[in-house]
Amino acid sequence: MYNKTIITVYTFLLLILVSGTALAQGPGFDDDVVDEVPIDGGVSALVIAGAAYGAKKLKDMKKK
């Protein structure tokens, strides 16, 4: 019981210290950083690969 209390107290203190550091950060990026993310390039390839993998799995399940 004693160890559980100590771990809880240390965890709480750690979270308090980390949250203060997180609040000290400024919002967003500098003006020279582009914050737009190109989604179409890799995501469409992953969707096609996932669909092909799913179709193969369905085909294999129907064979059994």
N, C-alpha and C. Protein backbone atom coordinates (compact mmCIF):
# COMPACT_ATOMS: atom_id res chain seq x y z
N MET A 1 0.83 -1.19 0.00
CA MET A 1 0.00 0.00 0.00
C MET A 1 0.87 1.26 0.00
N TYR A 2 1.96 1.19 0.73
CA TYR A 2 2.85 2.34 0.83
C TYR A 2 3.48 2.66 -0.52
N ASN A 3 3.92 1.63 -1.25
CA ASN A 3 4.54 1.84 -2.56
C ASN A 3 3.55 2.42 -3.55
N LYS A 4 2.31 1.99 -3.50
CA LYS A 4 1.29 2.50 -4.42
C LYS A 4 1.03 3.98 -4.16
N THR A 5 1.04 4.38 -2.91
CA THR A 5 0.84 5.79 -2.56
C THR A 5 2.00 6.64 -3.04
N ILE A 6 3.21 6.16 -2.86
CA ILE A 6 4.40 6.89 -3.31
C ILE A 6 4.39 7.05 -4.83
N ILE A 7 4.07 5.98 -5.55
CA ILE A 7 4.03 6.04 -7.00
C ILE A 7 2.95 7.02 -7.46
N THR A 8 1.81 7.03 -6.80
CA THR A 8 0.74 7.96 -7.16
C THR A 8 1.16 9.40 -6.94
N VAL A 9 1.82 9.67 -5.83
CA VAL A 9 2.26 11.03 -5.53
C VAL A 9 3.32 11.49 -6.54
N TYR A 10 4.29 10.64 -6.83
CA TYR A 10 5.32 11.00 -7.81
C TYR A 10 4.74 11.21 -9.20
N THR A 11 3.78 10.38 -9.58
CA THR A 11 3.14 10.55 -10.89
C THR A 11 2.39 11.87 -10.95
N PHE A 12 1.67 12.20 -9.90
CA PHE A 12 0.93 13.45 -9.85
C PHE A 12 1.88 14.65 -9.93
N LEU A 13 2.98 14.61 -9.20
CA LEU A 13 3.95 15.70 -9.24
C LEU A 13 4.59 15.83 -10.63
N LEU A 14 4.89 14.71 -11.25
CA LEU A 14 5.46 14.73 -12.59
C LEU A 14 4.49 15.35 -13.59
N LEU A 15 3.22 14.98 -13.50
CA LEU A 15 2.22 15.55 -14.41
C LEU A 15 2.06 17.05 -14.20
N ILE A 16 2.12 17.50 -12.96
CA ILE A 16 2.03 18.93 -12.68
C ILE A 16 3.21 19.67 -13.29
N LEU A 17 4.41 19.13 -13.14
CA LEU A 17 5.60 19.78 -13.70
C LEU A 17 5.57 19.81 -15.22
N VAL A 18 5.15 18.74 -15.84
CA VAL A 18 5.12 18.66 -17.30
C VAL A 18 4.04 19.58 -17.87
N SER A 19 2.91 19.69 -17.20
CA SER A 19 1.85 20.54 -17.72
C SER A 19 2.25 22.01 -17.68
N GLY A 20 3.04 22.41 -16.72
CA GLY A 20 3.53 23.78 -16.68
C GLY A 20 4.44 24.09 -17.85
N THR A 21 5.27 23.13 -18.23
CA THR A 21 6.15 23.29 -19.38
C THR A 21 5.35 23.34 -20.67
N ALA A 22 4.31 22.55 -20.77
CA ALA A 22 3.50 22.52 -21.98
C ALA A 22 2.74 23.83 -22.15
N LEU A 23 2.30 24.43 -21.07
CA LEU A 23 1.58 25.70 -21.17
C LEU A 23 2.49 26.87 -21.50
N ALA A 24 3.79 26.70 -21.30
CA ALA A 24 4.72 27.78 -21.58
C ALA A 24 5.04 27.91 -23.07
N GLN A 25 4.65 26.92 -23.88
CA GLN A 25 4.93 26.95 -25.31
C GLN A 25 3.97 27.91 -26.00
N GLY A 26 4.50 28.60 -27.00
CA GLY A 26 3.67 29.51 -27.77
C GLY A 26 2.78 28.75 -28.74
N PRO A 27 1.66 29.35 -29.15
CA PRO A 27 0.77 28.65 -30.07
C PRO A 27 1.30 28.69 -31.50
N GLY A 28 1.17 27.59 -32.21
CA GLY A 28 1.50 27.55 -33.62
C GLY A 28 2.98 27.58 -33.93
N PHE A 29 3.29 27.85 -35.21
CA PHE A 29 4.65 27.89 -35.70
C PHE A 29 5.04 29.33 -36.01
N ASP A 30 6.30 29.51 -36.41
CA ASP A 30 6.75 30.82 -36.87
C ASP A 30 6.08 31.13 -38.21
N ASP A 31 6.24 32.36 -38.69
CA ASP A 31 5.60 32.75 -39.94
C ASP A 31 6.22 32.08 -41.16
N ASP A 32 7.47 31.66 -41.08
CA ASP A 32 8.13 31.07 -42.24
C ASP A 32 7.88 29.56 -42.39
N VAL A 33 7.17 28.94 -41.46
CA VAL A 33 6.89 27.51 -41.52
C VAL A 33 5.54 27.29 -42.18
N VAL A 34 5.52 26.43 -43.19
CA VAL A 34 4.26 26.10 -43.86
C VAL A 34 3.61 24.98 -43.08
N ASP A 35 2.40 25.20 -42.59
CA ASP A 35 1.73 24.21 -41.77
C ASP A 35 0.67 23.43 -42.54
N GLU A 36 0.74 23.44 -43.86
CA GLU A 36 -0.17 22.64 -44.66
C GLU A 36 0.47 21.29 -44.94
N VAL A 37 -0.32 20.24 -44.89
CA VAL A 37 0.20 18.90 -45.08
C VAL A 37 -0.41 18.33 -46.36
N PRO A 38 0.43 17.87 -47.31
CA PRO A 38 -0.13 17.24 -48.51
C PRO A 38 -0.61 15.83 -48.18
N ILE A 39 -1.91 15.63 -48.19
CA ILE A 39 -2.47 14.35 -47.77
C ILE A 39 -2.63 13.40 -48.95
N ASP A 40 -2.86 13.90 -50.15
CA ASP A 40 -3.26 13.04 -51.25
C ASP A 40 -2.18 12.07 -51.68
N GLY A 41 -0.93 12.42 -51.64
CA GLY A 41 0.12 11.57 -52.18
C GLY A 41 0.22 10.20 -51.56
N GLY A 42 0.46 10.13 -50.26
CA GLY A 42 0.68 8.84 -49.61
C GLY A 42 -0.58 8.15 -49.17
N VAL A 43 -1.59 8.92 -48.81
CA VAL A 43 -2.80 8.32 -48.28
C VAL A 43 -3.54 7.55 -49.36
N SER A 44 -3.58 8.07 -50.57
CA SER A 44 -4.29 7.36 -51.64
C SER A 44 -3.59 6.03 -51.95
N ALA A 45 -2.27 5.99 -51.92
CA ALA A 45 -1.55 4.74 -52.13
C ALA A 45 -1.84 3.75 -51.02
N LEU A 46 -1.93 4.21 -49.78
CA LEU A 46 -2.24 3.33 -48.66
C LEU A 46 -3.66 2.79 -48.74
N VAL A 47 -4.60 3.63 -49.19
CA VAL A 47 -5.98 3.18 -49.32
C VAL A 47 -6.08 2.10 -50.40
N ILE A 48 -5.40 2.30 -51.53
CA ILE A 48 -5.43 1.30 -52.59
C ILE A 48 -4.78 0.00 -52.12
N ALA A 49 -3.66 0.09 -51.42
CA ALA A 49 -2.99 -1.11 -50.91
C ALA A 49 -3.88 -1.82 -49.89
N GLY A 50 -4.55 -1.07 -49.04
CA GLY A 50 -5.44 -1.68 -48.05
C GLY A 50 -6.63 -2.36 -48.70
N ALA A 51 -7.18 -1.74 -49.74
CA ALA A 51 -8.31 -2.35 -50.45
C ALA A 51 -7.87 -3.64 -51.14
N ALA A 52 -6.69 -3.64 -51.74
CA ALA A 52 -6.20 -4.85 -52.40
C ALA A 52 -5.94 -5.95 -51.38
N TYR A 53 -5.38 -5.61 -50.24
CA TYR A 53 -5.13 -6.60 -49.19
C TYR A 53 -6.44 -7.16 -48.65
N GLY A 54 -7.43 -6.30 -48.45
CA GLY A 54 -8.73 -6.77 -47.99
C GLY A 54 -9.41 -7.67 -48.99
N ALA A 55 -9.31 -7.33 -50.29
CA ALA A 55 -9.90 -8.18 -51.32
C ALA A 55 -9.23 -9.54 -51.35
N LYS A 56 -7.92 -9.58 -51.19
CA LYS A 56 -7.19 -10.85 -51.16
C LYS A 56 -7.63 -11.69 -49.97
N LYS A 57 -7.77 -11.06 -48.81
CA LYS A 57 -8.19 -11.79 -47.61
C LYS A 57 -9.60 -12.35 -47.79
N LEU A 58 -10.52 -11.55 -48.38
CA LEU A 58 -11.87 -12.04 -48.62
C LEU A 58 -11.86 -13.21 -49.59
N LYS A 59 -11.06 -13.12 -50.63
CA LYS A 59 -10.95 -14.20 -51.60
C LYS A 59 -10.42 -15.47 -50.95
N ASP A 60 -9.40 -15.33 -50.08
CA ASP A 60 -8.85 -16.49 -49.38
C ASP A 60 -9.86 -17.10 -48.42
N MET A 61 -10.68 -16.26 -47.78
CA MET A 61 -11.69 -16.78 -46.85
C MET A 61 -12.78 -17.54 -47.59
N LYS A 62 -13.13 -17.09 -48.79
CA LYS A 62 -14.17 -17.78 -49.55
C LYS A 62 -13.69 -19.13 -50.08
N LYS A 63 -12.38 -19.27 -50.27
CA LYS A 63 -11.83 -20.54 -50.74
C LYS A 63 -11.95 -21.62 -49.68
N LYS A 64 -11.89 -21.25 -48.41
CA LYS A 64 -11.94 -22.24 -47.32
C LYS A 64 -13.32 -22.71 -47.09
